[in-house]
Amino acid sequence: MLEFYKNKKVLITGHNGFKGSWLTLILKHLGAKIIGVSLKLDKNHSKKNLINIFKLKNEIREYFIDINDFTKLKKTIIKEQPDIIFHLAAQSLVYEAVKSPLKNYHTNIIGLINVLESLKYTKKTKFVSIITSDKCYVNDEKKNLRESDQLGGDDPYSASKACAEIISKSYFKTYFDKNLNIYTFRGGNVIGGGDFLSTRLVPDLINFVYNNQKLILRNTNSSRPWQNVLDVLFSYLLYSEILYKKNIRFENMNIGPNKSYKVEKILKYFTDHYDLKIKYGIDFNKKDIEKKYLKLNCEKSKKYFNFRRMPFDKSLKKTFHWYDSFFLKENMRIFSINEIIEYINNYIQDK
């Protein structure tokens, strides 16, 4: 497995985001030819952008396009005729969606439709893997959510992800049931080195240590199915390959551990790692928007392939080690490729 991607032309929307950049680096390591489609970052964000940190700009073909611009997106897909598409581009912050719901719905729904519409004009694309979210379900906080549970969402971000799931299946049934495979992946919360977006737990902790920023948390008792960025990205790659080879035309799948962990466990590891005591404030205006408990049932994925996932403590250790190395100005491309190689050897390859 994974040799499947060698010499394939892979288009990644949102390629310069946190997960998109890591996916780009992984696929380059596997020998794929990358076409990136993303918004152009401003100067402030480009300094801490992983595409730049990984020094990938001269090794991939980039198009700086808003996925809400159907004409430009369609033109790019027609021109490139990719073998595979991973659709990651999205508005990804829950509270940003609350603040700007129109932008959230437009990007997460119309942007997805623009990608799917554009695929009507390519005959070479074998499959498109659409990344949604574990927050796409109606969550009563009483059970581990499985793929057959009701889709929905009480906040704009969650609702937009439920819509993305419904739209993906409707497009497959209506337009692509004979010539294109569509897979949707509902991933749990992701941690790992290189995430610099504010209002996310690990970046806020790192900014507290290295940039002396005030630490504001929402709810330390909240629990999430945290997983390492390499766990989730290799899941996308492996399950997409397996589903395609098995000629499974459409599938949706939870991606994550069966166990969830509280925020306070991450805080404890963080304070032990940096040998410090922290004081933090609670943002009482935000803590009630998100569900307190979110747990996934990921048994469905195991019937296709059951690779070992990185233990949670090890994921935390590697995450904070990545940031320490970054601020020590190490060569983060070499560092991160070594992390990828180690992951493949320890968690994917048969022994």
Foldseek 3Di string as FASTA:
>chain_A
DLLVQAAFEEEEEVLQADLNVLLVLLSVVSHHAYEYEEADDDPVVVVLTSCVLLVCPVRHHYDHDQLLPLVVLLVVCLVRLGQEYEYDDADPDQVVCQVPVVRRLSRLPVSLVSNLVSVVNHQRHAEYEYEAALLQADPPQPDADEPPGHGAHPGSRNRSSVNSVVVQVVSCVPPNVPRYAYEYEHEKAEFAARHCDPPDDPNLLLCCPPVVDAAEAADQQAKIQYAYSLQQSVLSVVVVVLCSVVVPRYYYFYGGDQDIDGNVVLVVLSCVVVVHDDDHHHDPVPNPRDDRYHGHDGVVSVVRPDWDGDDPSVSSVRRVVLVVCVVVPDSSSVVSVVVNVVCCVPTPDDD
